[in-house]
Amino acid sequence: MRRRMRYRPSKASCIFGGIVGLIFTGIGVFAVIPAFGPFGIVWTLIALGIAIYQFAMAAGKVSMGSWSIEEEGAGEGNGPGGKSAQDRLTELQNLYDRRLISREEYEEKRRKILEEL
């Protein structure tokens, strides 16, 4: 069984990152450049670059970064959680025998499991 989860930054998080970049650009222009000179210029340019990149990602002009997790061999079988149909039917019967689910719930779940075969 192979499962892939992918995360991409949302448009809202990119806009938030852009706003934070603009705030740091403002801090650079009004506080860091006057106090530290060349370091302030580098600070401001980096902050401006971050802001521009974030807004470009939010607008879809730049490909958004993403990361993914791939999980192989998570389990055997083809049902939820990698359980085989036989295991799932046995578990369902056990729940019914212990009176944790009703006859209707048992029949409905059993039918769904058998339809997946």
C-alpha atoms as a PDB file:
ATOM      1  CA  MET A   1       0.000   0.000   0.000  1.00  0.00           C
ATOM      2  CA  ARG A   2       1.355   3.385  -0.927  1.00  0.00           C
ATOM      3  CA  ARG A   3       0.074   6.601   0.560  1.00  0.00           C
ATOM      4  CA  ARG A   4       1.219  10.105  -0.293  1.00  0.00           C
ATOM      5  CA  MET A   5       0.485  13.238   1.681  1.00  0.00           C
ATOM      6  CA  ARG A   6       1.368  16.578   0.147  1.00  0.00           C
ATOM      7  CA  TYR A   7       1.467  19.982   1.780  1.00  0.00           C
ATOM      8  CA  ARG A   8       1.452  23.226  -0.126  1.00  0.00           C
ATOM      9  CA  PRO A   9       1.288  26.641   1.506  1.00  0.00           C
ATOM     10  CA  SER A  10      -2.150  28.194   1.230  1.00  0.00           C
ATOM     11  CA  LYS A  11      -2.812  31.514  -0.452  1.00  0.00           C
ATOM     12  CA  ALA A  12      -3.619  33.043   2.932  1.00  0.00           C
ATOM     13  CA  SER A  13      -0.317  31.928   4.447  1.00  0.00           C
ATOM     14  CA  CYS A  14       1.573  33.358   1.457  1.00  0.00           C
ATOM     15  CA  ILE A  15      -0.214  36.693   1.839  1.00  0.00           C
ATOM     16  CA  PHE A  16       0.563  36.672   5.564  1.00  0.00           C
ATOM     17  CA  GLY A  17       4.234  35.977   4.778  1.00  0.00           C
ATOM     18  CA  GLY A  18       4.224  38.856   2.305  1.00  0.00           C
ATOM     19  CA  ILE A  19       2.766  41.245   4.878  1.00  0.00           C
ATOM     20  CA  VAL A  20       5.367  40.178   7.445  1.00  0.00           C
ATOM     21  CA  GLY A  21       8.058  40.741   4.788  1.00  0.00           C
ATOM     22  CA  LEU A  22       6.731  44.257   4.188  1.00  0.00           C
ATOM     23  CA  ILE A  23       6.754  44.972   7.915  1.00  0.00           C
ATOM     24  CA  PHE A  24      10.390  43.873   8.141  1.00  0.00           C
ATOM     25  CA  THR A  25      11.183  45.975   5.061  1.00  0.00           C
ATOM     26  CA  GLY A  26       9.708  48.992   6.843  1.00  0.00           C
ATOM     27  CA  ILE A  27      11.706  48.237   9.966  1.00  0.00           C
ATOM     28  CA  GLY A  28      14.799  48.000   7.788  1.00  0.00           C
ATOM     29  CA  VAL A  29      14.171  51.337   6.051  1.00  0.00           C
ATOM     30  CA  PHE A  30      13.288  53.326   9.158  1.00  0.00           C
ATOM     31  CA  ALA A  31      15.371  51.669  11.900  1.00  0.00           C
ATOM     32  CA  VAL A  32      18.047  49.250  10.701  1.00  0.00           C
ATOM     33  CA  ILE A  33      19.553  51.233   7.785  1.00  0.00           C
ATOM     34  CA  PRO A  34      20.008  54.430   9.865  1.00  0.00           C
ATOM     35  CA  ALA A  35      21.465  52.482  12.799  1.00  0.00           C
ATOM     36  CA  PHE A  36      23.647  49.876  11.078  1.00  0.00           C
ATOM     37  CA  GLY A  37      24.346  51.190   7.559  1.00  0.00           C
ATOM     38  CA  PRO A  38      25.439  48.402   5.157  1.00  0.00           C
ATOM     39  CA  PHE A  39      23.903  45.656   7.312  1.00  0.00           C
ATOM     40  CA  GLY A  40      20.626  47.569   7.243  1.00  0.00           C
ATOM     41  CA  ILE A  41      20.681  47.668   3.446  1.00  0.00           C
ATOM     42  CA  VAL A  42      21.203  43.886   3.279  1.00  0.00           C
ATOM     43  CA  TRP A  43      18.430  43.356   5.871  1.00  0.00           C
ATOM     44  CA  THR A  44      16.015  45.514   3.911  1.00  0.00           C
ATOM     45  CA  LEU A  45      16.778  43.860   0.566  1.00  0.00           C
ATOM     46  CA  ILE A  46      16.319  40.385   2.023  1.00  0.00           C
ATOM     47  CA  ALA A  47      13.024  41.375   3.677  1.00  0.00           C
ATOM     48  CA  LEU A  48      11.820  42.960   0.423  1.00  0.00           C
ATOM     49  CA  GLY A  49      12.793  39.810  -1.509  1.00  0.00           C
ATOM     50  CA  ILE A  50      10.848  37.634   0.917  1.00  0.00           C
ATOM     51  CA  ALA A  51       7.787  39.882   0.616  1.00  0.00           C
ATOM     52  CA  ILE A  52       7.900  39.876  -3.193  1.00  0.00           C
ATOM     53  CA  TYR A  53       8.357  36.096  -3.337  1.00  0.00           C
ATOM     54  CA  GLN A  54       5.466  35.479  -0.942  1.00  0.00           C
ATOM     55  CA  PHE A  55       3.097  37.749  -2.862  1.00  0.00           C
ATOM     56  CA  ALA A  56       4.183  36.134  -6.151  1.00  0.00           C
ATOM     57  CA  MET A  57       3.378  32.682  -4.716  1.00  0.00           C
ATOM     58  CA  ALA A  58      -0.019  33.931  -3.545  1.00  0.00           C
ATOM     59  CA  ALA A  59      -0.732  35.265  -7.053  1.00  0.00           C
ATOM     60  CA  GLY A  60       0.378  31.989  -8.649  1.00  0.00           C
ATOM     61  CA  LYS A  61       3.212  33.605 -10.620  1.00  0.00           C
ATOM     62  CA  VAL A  62       5.868  31.457  -8.910  1.00  0.00           C
ATOM     63  CA  SER A  63       5.557  27.752  -8.272  1.00  0.00           C
ATOM     64  CA  MET A  64       4.698  27.128  -4.677  1.00  0.00           C
ATOM     65  CA  GLY A  65       7.075  25.079  -2.655  1.00  0.00           C
ATOM     66  CA  SER A  66       5.735  21.841  -1.262  1.00  0.00           C
ATOM     67  CA  TRP A  67       6.831  18.760   0.561  1.00  0.00           C
ATOM     68  CA  SER A  68       5.395  15.296   0.553  1.00  0.00           C
ATOM     69  CA  ILE A  69       5.524  12.190   2.679  1.00  0.00           C
ATOM     70  CA  GLU A  70       5.318   8.814   1.010  1.00  0.00           C
ATOM     71  CA  GLU A  71       4.564   5.744   3.009  1.00  0.00           C
ATOM     72  CA  GLU A  72       5.090   2.344   1.450  1.00  0.00           C
ATOM     73  CA  GLY A  73       4.030  -1.001   2.807  1.00  0.00           C
ATOM     74  CA  ALA A  74       1.785   0.522   5.452  1.00  0.00           C
ATOM     75  CA  GLY A  75      -0.062  -2.743   5.767  1.00  0.00           C
ATOM     76  CA  GLU A  76      -1.265  -5.710   3.870  1.00  0.00           C
ATOM     77  CA  GLY A  77      -4.667  -5.982   2.346  1.00  0.00           C
ATOM     78  CA  ASN A  78      -6.725  -3.391   0.632  1.00  0.00           C
ATOM     79  CA  GLY A  79      -9.128  -2.121   3.246  1.00  0.00           C
ATOM     80  CA  PRO A  80      -8.933   0.802   5.632  1.00  0.00           C
ATOM     81  CA  GLY A  81      -5.799   0.584   7.743  1.00  0.00           C
ATOM     82  CA  GLY A  82      -4.411  -2.126   5.466  1.00  0.00           C
ATOM     83  CA  LYS A  83      -6.692  -4.847   6.906  1.00  0.00           C
ATOM     84  CA  SER A  84      -7.969  -7.621   4.707  1.00  0.00           C
ATOM     85  CA  ALA A  85     -11.688  -8.105   4.185  1.00  0.00           C
ATOM     86  CA  GLN A  86     -11.572 -11.250   6.319  1.00  0.00           C
ATOM     87  CA  ASP A  87      -9.999  -9.381   9.238  1.00  0.00           C
ATOM     88  CA  ARG A  88     -12.539  -6.586   8.946  1.00  0.00           C
ATOM     89  CA  LEU A  89     -15.464  -9.034   8.825  1.00  0.00           C
ATOM     90  CA  THR A  90     -14.101 -10.873  11.872  1.00  0.00           C
ATOM     91  CA  GLU A  91     -13.762  -7.613  13.771  1.00  0.00           C
ATOM     92  CA  LEU A  92     -17.272  -6.594  12.735  1.00  0.00           C
ATOM     93  CA  GLN A  93     -18.680  -9.948  13.926  1.00  0.00           C
ATOM     94  CA  ASN A  94     -16.860  -9.503  17.226  1.00  0.00           C
ATOM     95  CA  LEU A  95     -18.415  -6.055  17.698  1.00  0.00           C
ATOM     96  CA  TYR A  96     -21.862  -7.445  16.956  1.00  0.00           C
ATOM     97  CA  ASP A  97     -21.390 -10.430  19.293  1.00  0.00           C
ATOM     98  CA  ARG A  98     -20.395  -8.087  22.126  1.00  0.00           C
ATOM     99  CA  ARG A  99     -23.567  -6.052  21.391  1.00  0.00           C
ATOM    100  CA  LEU A 100     -21.593  -2.883  20.611  1.00  0.00           C
ATOM    101  CA  ILE A 101     -23.383  -2.384  17.291  1.00  0.00           C
ATOM    102  CA  SER A 102     -26.950  -3.102  16.236  1.00  0.00           C
ATOM    103  CA  ARG A 103     -28.046  -5.707  13.682  1.00  0.00           C
ATOM    104  CA  GLU A 104     -28.725  -2.943  11.136  1.00  0.00           C
ATOM    105  CA  GLU A 105     -25.266  -1.436  11.604  1.00  0.00           C
ATOM    106  CA  TYR A 106     -23.715  -4.888  11.292  1.00  0.00           C
ATOM    107  CA  GLU A 107     -25.562  -5.654   8.054  1.00  0.00           C
ATOM    108  CA  GLU A 108     -24.756  -2.240   6.558  1.00  0.00           C
ATOM    109  CA  LYS A 109     -21.024  -2.464   7.331  1.00  0.00           C
ATOM    110  CA  ARG A 110     -20.867  -6.088   6.169  1.00  0.00           C
ATOM    111  CA  ARG A 111     -22.468  -5.141   2.867  1.00  0.00           C
ATOM    112  CA  LYS A 112     -19.946  -2.293   2.381  1.00  0.00           C
ATOM    113  CA  ILE A 113     -16.996  -4.572   3.088  1.00  0.00           C
ATOM    114  CA  LEU A 114     -18.272  -7.188   0.647  1.00  0.00           C
ATOM    115  CA  GLU A 115     -18.891  -4.546  -2.045  1.00  0.00           C
ATOM    116  CA  GLU A 116     -15.212  -3.543  -1.858  1.00  0.00           C
ATOM    117  CA  LEU A 117     -14.117  -7.044  -2.902  1.00  0.00           C
END
